[in-house]
Amino acid sequence: QVQLVESGGGLVQPGESLRLSCTSSGSIFSFTNMAWYRQAPGKQRELVARIFKIGSPYYPDSTKGRFTMPRDNAKNTVYLQMNSLKPEDTAVYYCNAFGASGEYWGQGTQVTVSS
């Protein structure tokens, strides 16, 4: 059973940056794609970034140009680099992985953007 562990959440001010980490207990090469989602109170969970084993990453309009999702294969870790944060980015952020063995979620990490 694969486990995904997120870290790096916290409280930041608008305009600041934050980097989240997601470390897999298994090789990230085994996944077809990995993604970050977020869920704000009272709202549905939404996709914020996705990377694929082959091909270009995908970012929705809400995060394009501000968020990137680099990876470190040697550490079995993906990151979510968030720049120019806005109060509306406040949410619990979840790491997601999908592959032949199934779909996996992390436990979530809280990001709060407030002055």
C-alpha atoms as a PDB file:
ATOM      1  CA  GLN A   1       0.000   0.000   0.000  1.00  0.00           C
ATOM      2  CA  VAL A   2       1.451   3.317  -1.086  1.00  0.00           C
ATOM      3  CA  GLN A   3       1.468   6.190   1.375  1.00  0.00           C
ATOM      4  CA  LEU A   4       1.722   9.847   0.462  1.00  0.00           C
ATOM      5  CA  VAL A   5       2.876  12.273   3.132  1.00  0.00           C
ATOM      6  CA  GLU A   6       2.491  16.018   2.648  1.00  0.00           C
ATOM      7  CA  SER A   7       4.340  18.721   4.519  1.00  0.00           C
ATOM      8  CA  GLY A   8       5.126  22.412   4.282  1.00  0.00           C
ATOM      9  CA  GLY A   9       1.790  24.059   4.954  1.00  0.00           C
ATOM     10  CA  GLY A  10       1.435  27.109   7.129  1.00  0.00           C
ATOM     11  CA  LEU A  11       0.369  30.720   7.451  1.00  0.00           C
ATOM     12  CA  VAL A  12       1.721  33.246   4.964  1.00  0.00           C
ATOM     13  CA  GLN A  13       0.860  36.775   3.935  1.00  0.00           C
ATOM     14  CA  PRO A  14      -0.603  37.704   0.531  1.00  0.00           C
ATOM     15  CA  GLY A  15       2.089  37.910  -2.122  1.00  0.00           C
ATOM     16  CA  GLU A  16       4.435  35.507  -0.356  1.00  0.00           C
ATOM     17  CA  SER A  17       5.559  32.075  -1.494  1.00  0.00           C
ATOM     18  CA  LEU A  18       5.292  28.615   0.006  1.00  0.00           C
ATOM     19  CA  ARG A  19       6.491  25.172  -1.061  1.00  0.00           C
ATOM     20  CA  LEU A  20       4.620  22.000  -0.212  1.00  0.00           C
ATOM     21  CA  SER A  21       6.205  18.556  -0.358  1.00  0.00           C
ATOM     22  CA  CYS A  22       4.646  15.159  -1.015  1.00  0.00           C
ATOM     23  CA  THR A  23       6.796  12.111  -0.396  1.00  0.00           C
ATOM     24  CA  SER A  24       5.709   8.687  -1.621  1.00  0.00           C
ATOM     25  CA  SER A  25       6.539   5.438   0.168  1.00  0.00           C
ATOM     26  CA  GLY A  26       6.955   3.894  -3.277  1.00  0.00           C
ATOM     27  CA  SER A  27       8.653   4.951  -6.463  1.00  0.00           C
ATOM     28  CA  ILE A  28       6.938   7.860  -8.157  1.00  0.00           C
ATOM     29  CA  PHE A  29       7.981   6.319 -11.481  1.00  0.00           C
ATOM     30  CA  SER A  30       5.169   3.811 -10.936  1.00  0.00           C
ATOM     31  CA  PHE A  31       2.495   6.484 -11.196  1.00  0.00           C
ATOM     32  CA  THR A  32       0.855   7.532 -14.439  1.00  0.00           C
ATOM     33  CA  ASN A  33       0.322  10.964 -13.001  1.00  0.00           C
ATOM     34  CA  MET A  34       0.535  12.882  -9.749  1.00  0.00           C
ATOM     35  CA  ALA A  35      -1.410  15.939  -8.745  1.00  0.00           C
ATOM     36  CA  TRP A  36      -2.165  18.480  -6.072  1.00  0.00           C
ATOM     37  CA  TYR A  37      -5.744  19.305  -5.131  1.00  0.00           C
ATOM     38  CA  ARG A  38      -7.144  21.741  -2.616  1.00  0.00           C
ATOM     39  CA  GLN A  39     -10.371  22.082  -0.695  1.00  0.00           C
ATOM     40  CA  ALA A  40     -11.542  25.260   0.962  1.00  0.00           C
ATOM     41  CA  PRO A  41     -14.300  25.242   3.631  1.00  0.00           C
ATOM     42  CA  GLY A  42     -17.695  24.772   2.036  1.00  0.00           C
ATOM     43  CA  LYS A  43     -16.239  24.184  -1.429  1.00  0.00           C
ATOM     44  CA  GLN A  44     -15.545  21.167  -3.595  1.00  0.00           C
ATOM     45  CA  ARG A  45     -12.066  19.769  -3.937  1.00  0.00           C
ATOM     46  CA  GLU A  46     -10.367  21.263  -6.995  1.00  0.00           C
ATOM     47  CA  LEU A  47      -7.299  20.421  -9.036  1.00  0.00           C
ATOM     48  CA  VAL A  48      -4.412  22.885  -8.802  1.00  0.00           C
ATOM     49  CA  ALA A  49      -1.606  21.083 -10.671  1.00  0.00           C
ATOM     50  CA  ARG A  50      -0.909  17.760 -12.378  1.00  0.00           C
ATOM     51  CA  ILE A  51       2.200  16.175 -13.828  1.00  0.00           C
ATOM     52  CA  PHE A  52       2.358  13.156 -16.072  1.00  0.00           C
ATOM     53  CA  LYS A  53       4.904  10.408 -16.584  1.00  0.00           C
ATOM     54  CA  ILE A  54       5.026  11.588 -20.189  1.00  0.00           C
ATOM     55  CA  GLY A  55       4.018  15.028 -21.394  1.00  0.00           C
ATOM     56  CA  SER A  56       3.684  18.549 -20.128  1.00  0.00           C
ATOM     57  CA  PRO A  57       2.253  19.493 -16.740  1.00  0.00           C
ATOM     58  CA  TYR A  58      -1.242  20.907 -16.462  1.00  0.00           C
ATOM     59  CA  TYR A  59      -2.293  23.932 -14.440  1.00  0.00           C
ATOM     60  CA  PRO A  60      -5.828  25.313 -14.349  1.00  0.00           C
ATOM     61  CA  ASP A  61      -6.373  29.021 -14.927  1.00  0.00           C
ATOM     62  CA  SER A  62      -6.631  29.659 -11.175  1.00  0.00           C
ATOM     63  CA  THR A  63      -2.984  28.662 -10.630  1.00  0.00           C
ATOM     64  CA  LYS A  64      -1.314  28.980 -14.036  1.00  0.00           C
ATOM     65  CA  GLY A  65       1.685  31.286 -13.873  1.00  0.00           C
ATOM     66  CA  ARG A  66       1.827  31.195 -10.061  1.00  0.00           C
ATOM     67  CA  PHE A  67       2.125  27.498  -9.157  1.00  0.00           C
ATOM     68  CA  THR A  68       4.545  24.871 -10.433  1.00  0.00           C
ATOM     69  CA  MET A  69       4.940  21.196  -9.601  1.00  0.00           C
ATOM     70  CA  PRO A  70       8.585  20.099  -9.733  1.00  0.00           C
ATOM     71  CA  ARG A  71       9.673  16.570  -8.853  1.00  0.00           C
ATOM     72  CA  ASP A  72      12.714  14.884  -7.353  1.00  0.00           C
ATOM     73  CA  ASN A  73      12.716  11.294  -8.574  1.00  0.00           C
ATOM     74  CA  ALA A  74      15.608  10.277  -6.348  1.00  0.00           C
ATOM     75  CA  LYS A  75      13.650  11.344  -3.263  1.00  0.00           C
ATOM     76  CA  ASN A  76      10.275  10.045  -4.533  1.00  0.00           C
ATOM     77  CA  THR A  77       8.965  13.511  -3.851  1.00  0.00           C
ATOM     78  CA  VAL A  78       6.875  16.043  -5.735  1.00  0.00           C
ATOM     79  CA  TYR A  79       6.490  19.616  -4.706  1.00  0.00           C
ATOM     80  CA  LEU A  80       3.978  22.397  -5.132  1.00  0.00           C
ATOM     81  CA  GLN A  81       5.773  25.711  -5.455  1.00  0.00           C
ATOM     82  CA  MET A  82       3.244  28.447  -4.824  1.00  0.00           C
ATOM     83  CA  ASN A  83       4.130  32.061  -5.598  1.00  0.00           C
ATOM     84  CA  SER A  84       2.169  35.286  -5.349  1.00  0.00           C
ATOM     85  CA  LEU A  85      -0.260  33.692  -2.925  1.00  0.00           C
ATOM     86  CA  LYS A  86      -3.723  35.163  -2.520  1.00  0.00           C
ATOM     87  CA  PRO A  87      -6.255  34.854   0.314  1.00  0.00           C
ATOM     88  CA  GLU A  88      -8.404  32.727  -2.009  1.00  0.00           C
ATOM     89  CA  ASP A  89      -5.604  30.142  -2.100  1.00  0.00           C
ATOM     90  CA  THR A  90      -6.438  29.310   1.518  1.00  0.00           C
ATOM     91  CA  ALA A  91      -7.384  25.628   1.690  1.00  0.00           C
ATOM     92  CA  VAL A  92      -6.283  22.176   2.717  1.00  0.00           C
ATOM     93  CA  TYR A  93      -3.931  20.894   0.022  1.00  0.00           C
ATOM     94  CA  TYR A  94      -3.861  17.203  -0.874  1.00  0.00           C
ATOM     95  CA  CYS A  95      -1.353  15.178  -2.834  1.00  0.00           C
ATOM     96  CA  ASN A  96      -2.776  12.605  -5.257  1.00  0.00           C
ATOM     97  CA  ALA A  97      -1.183   9.790  -7.240  1.00  0.00           C
ATOM     98  CA  PHE A  98      -2.694   7.521  -9.868  1.00  0.00           C
ATOM     99  CA  GLY A  99      -1.237   4.391 -11.386  1.00  0.00           C
ATOM    100  CA  ALA A 100      -1.841   0.758 -12.281  1.00  0.00           C
ATOM    101  CA  SER A 101      -1.992  -0.168  -8.583  1.00  0.00           C
ATOM    102  CA  GLY A 102      -4.713   2.366  -7.846  1.00  0.00           C
ATOM    103  CA  GLU A 103      -5.292   5.914  -6.683  1.00  0.00           C
ATOM    104  CA  TYR A 104      -3.803   7.351  -3.509  1.00  0.00           C
ATOM    105  CA  TRP A 105      -4.306  10.452  -1.398  1.00  0.00           C
ATOM    106  CA  GLY A 106      -2.257  12.130   1.273  1.00  0.00           C
ATOM    107  CA  GLN A 107      -3.697  13.361   4.555  1.00  0.00           C
ATOM    108  CA  GLY A 108      -3.641  17.022   3.568  1.00  0.00           C
ATOM    109  CA  THR A 109      -1.794  20.087   4.776  1.00  0.00           C
ATOM    110  CA  GLN A 110      -3.352  23.443   5.647  1.00  0.00           C
ATOM    111  CA  VAL A 111      -2.331  26.586   3.792  1.00  0.00           C
ATOM    112  CA  THR A 112      -3.641  29.891   5.086  1.00  0.00           C
ATOM    113  CA  VAL A 113      -3.009  33.156   3.264  1.00  0.00           C
ATOM    114  CA  SER A 114      -3.885  36.117   5.427  1.00  0.00           C
ATOM    115  CA  SER A 115      -2.528  39.480   6.488  1.00  0.00           C
END
